[in-house]
């Protein structure tokens, strides 16, 4: 359980670092369009990583970092972890849909 939660922690840590790197390289129109969005993505990823790290600690583990399949393994065994990860994945799905819609234009 801890290893699987750890994989989601690592994903969010990587997303936060990626967003920081992208924010440092924005130029031209992208500065106008993404200057608020990119830091928000980083903040949300860091918040998700904190929640996951807390849950890993609750289970007596420590964060390390190896992404892998999770939901099938935890379903029915740890409802709290399952609900946490589903909520985080739902937020990520909505963010991606918003980005696609913004890129598609009016």
N, C-alpha and C. Protein backbone atom coordinates (compact mmCIF):
# COMPACT_ATOMS: atom_id res chain seq x y z
N UNK A 1 0.83 -1.19 0.00
CA UNK A 1 0.00 0.00 0.00
C UNK A 1 0.87 1.26 0.00
N UNK A 2 1.85 1.28 0.88
CA UNK A 2 2.72 2.45 0.99
C UNK A 2 3.49 2.69 -0.30
N UNK A 3 3.98 1.62 -0.91
CA UNK A 3 4.73 1.76 -2.16
C UNK A 3 3.87 2.37 -3.27
N UNK A 4 2.64 1.94 -3.33
CA UNK A 4 1.75 2.46 -4.37
C UNK A 4 1.40 3.93 -4.11
N UNK A 5 1.10 4.28 -2.87
CA UNK A 5 0.84 5.69 -2.55
C UNK A 5 2.08 6.53 -2.84
N UNK A 6 3.24 5.96 -2.57
CA UNK A 6 4.49 6.65 -2.82
C UNK A 6 4.65 7.01 -4.30
N UNK A 7 4.16 6.13 -5.17
CA UNK A 7 4.27 6.41 -6.61
C UNK A 7 3.48 7.66 -6.97
N UNK A 8 2.33 7.86 -6.36
CA UNK A 8 1.53 9.06 -6.62
C UNK A 8 2.17 10.29 -6.01
N UNK A 9 2.80 10.11 -4.85
CA UNK A 9 3.54 11.21 -4.25
C UNK A 9 4.62 11.69 -5.22
N UNK A 10 5.37 10.74 -5.76
CA UNK A 10 6.47 11.08 -6.67
C UNK A 10 5.96 11.76 -7.94
N UNK A 11 4.84 11.28 -8.45
CA UNK A 11 4.26 11.91 -9.64
C UNK A 11 3.99 13.39 -9.36
N UNK A 12 3.38 13.67 -8.22
CA UNK A 12 3.05 15.05 -7.90
C UNK A 12 4.29 15.89 -7.65
N UNK A 13 5.32 15.32 -7.06
CA UNK A 13 6.57 16.04 -6.87
C UNK A 13 7.18 16.40 -8.22
N UNK A 14 7.15 15.47 -9.16
CA UNK A 14 7.68 15.73 -10.50
C UNK A 14 6.86 16.81 -11.21
N UNK A 15 5.54 16.75 -11.10
CA UNK A 15 4.67 17.77 -11.72
C UNK A 15 5.00 19.15 -11.17
N UNK A 16 5.19 19.26 -9.87
CA UNK A 16 5.50 20.56 -9.26
C UNK A 16 6.83 21.09 -9.79
N UNK A 17 7.84 20.24 -9.87
CA UNK A 17 9.14 20.68 -10.39
C UNK A 17 9.06 21.05 -11.86
N UNK A 18 8.29 20.27 -12.64
CA UNK A 18 8.11 20.57 -14.06
C UNK A 18 7.45 21.94 -14.23
N UNK A 19 6.41 22.19 -13.45
CA UNK A 19 5.70 23.46 -13.55
C UNK A 19 6.62 24.63 -13.19
N UNK A 20 7.46 24.44 -12.17
CA UNK A 20 8.42 25.49 -11.82
C UNK A 20 9.37 25.76 -12.98
N UNK A 21 9.85 24.70 -13.62
CA UNK A 21 10.77 24.86 -14.75
C UNK A 21 10.09 25.57 -15.92
N UNK A 22 8.85 25.21 -16.20
CA UNK A 22 8.11 25.84 -17.30
C UNK A 22 7.88 27.32 -16.98
N UNK A 23 7.52 27.62 -15.75
CA UNK A 23 7.27 29.02 -15.36
C UNK A 23 8.50 29.89 -15.59
N UNK A 24 9.68 29.33 -15.39
CA UNK A 24 10.92 30.09 -15.59
C UNK A 24 11.23 30.33 -17.06
N UNK A 25 10.57 29.62 -17.95
CA UNK A 25 10.89 29.72 -19.37
C UNK A 25 9.78 30.35 -20.22
N UNK A 26 8.75 30.84 -19.58
CA UNK A 26 7.66 31.45 -20.34
C UNK A 26 8.14 32.70 -21.07
N UNK A 27 7.70 32.83 -22.31
CA UNK A 27 8.04 33.98 -23.13
C UNK A 27 6.82 34.41 -23.93
N UNK A 28 6.82 35.63 -24.38
CA UNK A 28 5.80 36.13 -25.29
C UNK A 28 4.39 35.98 -24.76
N UNK A 29 3.51 35.52 -25.63
CA UNK A 29 2.10 35.37 -25.29
C UNK A 29 1.89 34.38 -24.15
N UNK A 30 2.76 33.39 -24.06
CA UNK A 30 2.64 32.38 -23.00
C UNK A 30 2.71 33.01 -21.61
N UNK A 31 3.50 34.08 -21.47
CA UNK A 31 3.58 34.77 -20.18
C UNK A 31 2.19 35.28 -19.79
N UNK A 32 1.51 35.87 -20.76
CA UNK A 32 0.17 36.41 -20.51
C UNK A 32 -0.84 35.30 -20.23
N UNK A 33 -0.79 34.23 -21.01
CA UNK A 33 -1.78 33.16 -20.90
C UNK A 33 -1.55 32.22 -19.72
N UNK A 34 -0.30 31.99 -19.35
CA UNK A 34 0.00 30.93 -18.38
C UNK A 34 0.66 31.40 -17.09
N UNK A 35 0.87 32.70 -16.93
CA UNK A 35 1.61 33.17 -15.76
C UNK A 35 0.88 32.88 -14.44
N UNK A 36 -0.43 32.76 -14.47
CA UNK A 36 -1.18 32.38 -13.27
C UNK A 36 -1.40 30.88 -13.20
N UNK A 37 -1.63 30.26 -14.35
CA UNK A 37 -1.97 28.83 -14.40
C UNK A 37 -0.82 27.92 -13.97
N UNK A 38 0.37 28.18 -14.46
CA UNK A 38 1.51 27.30 -14.17
C UNK A 38 1.84 27.28 -12.68
N UNK A 39 1.94 28.41 -11.99
CA UNK A 39 2.18 28.36 -10.54
C UNK A 39 1.04 27.66 -9.79
N UNK A 40 -0.19 27.79 -10.29
CA UNK A 40 -1.32 27.10 -9.67
C UNK A 40 -1.16 25.58 -9.79
N UNK A 41 -0.71 25.11 -10.94
CA UNK A 41 -0.45 23.68 -11.13
C UNK A 41 0.61 23.21 -10.14
N UNK A 42 1.68 23.98 -10.01
CA UNK A 42 2.75 23.62 -9.07
C UNK A 42 2.22 23.57 -7.64
N UNK A 43 1.44 24.56 -7.26
CA UNK A 43 0.89 24.60 -5.90
C UNK A 43 -0.04 23.41 -5.64
N UNK A 44 -0.89 23.09 -6.60
CA UNK A 44 -1.80 21.96 -6.44
C UNK A 44 -1.05 20.64 -6.35
N UNK A 45 0.00 20.50 -7.14
CA UNK A 45 0.80 19.28 -7.08
C UNK A 45 1.52 19.16 -5.74
N UNK A 46 2.03 20.26 -5.24
CA UNK A 46 2.69 20.23 -3.92
C UNK A 46 1.68 19.89 -2.81
N UNK A 47 0.49 20.45 -2.90
CA UNK A 47 -0.54 20.15 -1.91
C UNK A 47 -0.92 18.67 -1.95
N UNK A 48 -1.07 18.13 -3.16
CA UNK A 48 -1.39 16.71 -3.31
C UNK A 48 -0.27 15.85 -2.74
N UNK A 49 0.98 16.23 -3.02
CA UNK A 49 2.12 15.48 -2.49
C UNK A 49 2.12 15.50 -0.97
N UNK A 50 1.78 16.65 -0.38
CA UNK A 50 1.72 16.72 1.09
C UNK A 50 0.65 15.79 1.64
N UNK A 51 -0.53 15.78 1.01
CA UNK A 51 -1.60 14.88 1.46
C UNK A 51 -1.17 13.42 1.37
N UNK A 52 -0.53 13.08 0.27
CA UNK A 52 -0.08 11.70 0.09
C UNK A 52 1.02 11.35 1.08
N UNK A 53 1.94 12.26 1.32
CA UNK A 53 3.00 12.01 2.30
C UNK A 53 2.42 11.80 3.69
N UNK A 54 1.41 12.60 4.03
CA UNK A 54 0.75 12.42 5.33
C UNK A 54 0.10 11.05 5.44
N UNK A 55 -0.58 10.63 4.38
CA UNK A 55 -1.24 9.31 4.39
C UNK A 55 -0.20 8.19 4.49
N UNK A 56 0.90 8.33 3.77
CA UNK A 56 1.97 7.34 3.85
C UNK A 56 2.50 7.26 5.27
N UNK A 57 2.68 8.41 5.91
CA UNK A 57 3.11 8.43 7.31
C UNK A 57 2.09 7.79 8.23
N UNK A 58 0.80 8.03 7.97
CA UNK A 58 -0.26 7.39 8.77
C UNK A 58 -0.16 5.88 8.72
N UNK A 59 0.28 5.37 7.57
CA UNK A 59 0.39 3.92 7.39
C UNK A 59 1.74 3.38 7.86
N UNK A 60 2.59 4.26 8.42
CA UNK A 60 3.88 3.81 8.95
C UNK A 60 4.98 3.72 7.93
N UNK A 61 4.80 4.32 6.76
CA UNK A 61 5.81 4.25 5.71
C UNK A 61 6.52 5.58 5.53
N UNK A 62 7.36 5.62 4.52
CA UNK A 62 8.09 6.84 4.16
C UNK A 62 8.07 6.99 2.65
N UNK A 63 8.06 8.24 2.17
CA UNK A 63 8.05 8.49 0.74
C UNK A 63 9.41 8.18 0.14
N UNK A 64 9.40 7.58 -1.04
CA UNK A 64 10.65 7.27 -1.74
C UNK A 64 10.55 7.68 -3.19
N UNK A 65 9.71 7.01 -4.00
CA UNK A 65 9.52 7.46 -5.35
C UNK A 65 9.62 6.42 -6.44
N UNK A 66 8.52 5.72 -6.74
CA UNK A 66 8.51 4.75 -7.83
C UNK A 66 7.09 4.62 -8.36
N UNK A 67 6.70 5.41 -9.40
CA UNK A 67 5.32 5.33 -9.90
C UNK A 67 4.93 3.92 -10.36
N UNK A 68 3.70 3.49 -10.04
CA UNK A 68 3.17 2.16 -10.44
C UNK A 68 1.65 2.13 -10.28
N UNK A 69 1.02 1.04 -10.71
CA UNK A 69 -0.45 0.88 -10.62
C UNK A 69 -0.87 0.86 -9.16
N UNK A 70 -2.04 1.43 -8.86
CA UNK A 70 -2.44 1.56 -7.47
C UNK A 70 -3.91 1.22 -7.21
N UNK A 71 -4.83 1.82 -7.93
CA UNK A 71 -6.23 1.76 -7.56
C UNK A 71 -6.78 0.34 -7.49
N UNK A 72 -6.42 -0.52 -8.42
CA UNK A 72 -6.90 -1.90 -8.37
C UNK A 72 -6.42 -2.63 -7.12
N UNK A 73 -5.18 -2.35 -6.73
CA UNK A 73 -4.63 -3.01 -5.56
C UNK A 73 -5.31 -2.56 -4.26
N UNK A 74 -5.63 -1.28 -4.17
CA UNK A 74 -6.13 -0.74 -2.91
C UNK A 74 -7.65 -0.81 -2.77
N UNK A 75 -8.35 -0.93 -3.91
CA UNK A 75 -9.82 -0.95 -3.88
C UNK A 75 -10.31 -2.06 -2.95
N UNK A 76 -11.12 -1.68 -1.97
CA UNK A 76 -11.67 -2.63 -1.01
C UNK A 76 -10.76 -2.94 0.16
N UNK A 77 -9.50 -2.50 0.10
CA UNK A 77 -8.57 -2.77 1.19
C UNK A 77 -8.28 -1.54 2.03
N UNK A 78 -8.29 -0.37 1.41
CA UNK A 78 -8.01 0.88 2.11
C UNK A 78 -8.85 1.98 1.46
N UNK A 79 -10.06 2.14 1.95
CA UNK A 79 -11.00 3.08 1.35
C UNK A 79 -10.52 4.54 1.44
N UNK A 80 -9.80 4.89 2.50
CA UNK A 80 -9.31 6.26 2.66
C UNK A 80 -8.29 6.59 1.56
N UNK A 81 -7.33 5.71 1.35
CA UNK A 81 -6.31 5.93 0.32
C UNK A 81 -6.95 5.93 -1.06
N UNK A 82 -7.89 5.03 -1.29
CA UNK A 82 -8.57 4.96 -2.58
C UNK A 82 -9.29 6.28 -2.87
N UNK A 83 -10.05 6.78 -1.90
CA UNK A 83 -10.80 8.03 -2.08
C UNK A 83 -9.86 9.21 -2.30
N UNK A 84 -8.76 9.25 -1.56
CA UNK A 84 -7.79 10.33 -1.71
C UNK A 84 -7.22 10.35 -3.12
N UNK A 85 -6.79 9.22 -3.62
CA UNK A 85 -6.17 9.16 -4.94
C UNK A 85 -7.20 9.44 -6.04
N UNK A 86 -8.42 8.94 -5.90
CA UNK A 86 -9.45 9.22 -6.89
C UNK A 86 -9.73 10.72 -6.95
N UNK A 87 -9.80 11.37 -5.80
CA UNK A 87 -10.04 12.82 -5.78
C UNK A 87 -8.89 13.57 -6.45
N UNK A 88 -7.66 13.17 -6.18
CA UNK A 88 -6.51 13.82 -6.79
C UNK A 88 -6.48 13.60 -8.30
N UNK A 89 -6.80 12.39 -8.73
CA UNK A 89 -6.84 12.10 -10.16
C UNK A 89 -7.98 12.86 -10.84
N UNK A 90 -9.09 13.03 -10.14
CA UNK A 90 -10.21 13.81 -10.67
C UNK A 90 -9.81 15.26 -10.91
N UNK A 91 -9.09 15.84 -9.97
CA UNK A 91 -8.62 17.22 -10.11
C UNK A 91 -7.66 17.33 -11.29
N UNK A 92 -6.78 16.35 -11.45
CA UNK A 92 -5.84 16.35 -12.58
C UNK A 92 -6.58 16.24 -13.91
N UNK A 93 -7.61 15.41 -13.96
CA UNK A 93 -8.40 15.24 -15.18
C UNK A 93 -9.10 16.54 -15.56
N UNK A 94 -9.67 17.23 -14.58
CA UNK A 94 -10.33 18.51 -14.86
C UNK A 94 -9.33 19.56 -15.34
N UNK A 95 -8.14 19.58 -14.74
CA UNK A 95 -7.13 20.54 -15.14
C UNK A 95 -6.72 20.30 -16.60
N UNK A 96 -6.53 19.03 -16.97
CA UNK A 96 -6.16 18.71 -18.34
C UNK A 96 -7.27 19.10 -19.33
N UNK A 97 -8.52 18.88 -18.94
CA UNK A 97 -9.63 19.26 -19.80
C UNK A 97 -9.68 20.78 -19.98
N UNK A 98 -9.42 21.52 -18.91
CA UNK A 98 -9.40 22.98 -19.00
C UNK A 98 -8.31 23.46 -19.94
N UNK A 99 -7.13 22.83 -19.85
CA UNK A 99 -6.01 23.21 -20.71
C UNK A 99 -6.35 22.93 -22.17
N UNK A 100 -6.94 21.76 -22.45
CA UNK A 100 -7.32 21.42 -23.82
C UNK A 100 -8.35 22.40 -24.36
N UNK A 101 -9.31 22.76 -23.53
CA UNK A 101 -10.34 23.71 -23.96
C UNK A 101 -9.72 25.09 -24.23
N UNK A 102 -8.79 25.50 -23.40
CA UNK A 102 -8.15 26.80 -23.61
C UNK A 102 -7.32 26.81 -24.88
N UNK A 103 -6.66 25.70 -25.15
CA UNK A 103 -5.85 25.61 -26.38
C UNK A 103 -6.71 25.54 -27.64
N UNK A 104 -7.92 24.98 -27.51
CA UNK A 104 -8.81 24.86 -28.66
C UNK A 104 -9.38 26.21 -29.07
N UNK A 105 -9.45 27.13 -28.12
CA UNK A 105 -9.95 28.47 -28.44
C UNK A 105 -11.47 28.52 -28.41
N UNK A 106 -12.01 29.70 -28.76
CA UNK A 106 -13.47 29.90 -28.70
C UNK A 106 -14.23 29.13 -29.75
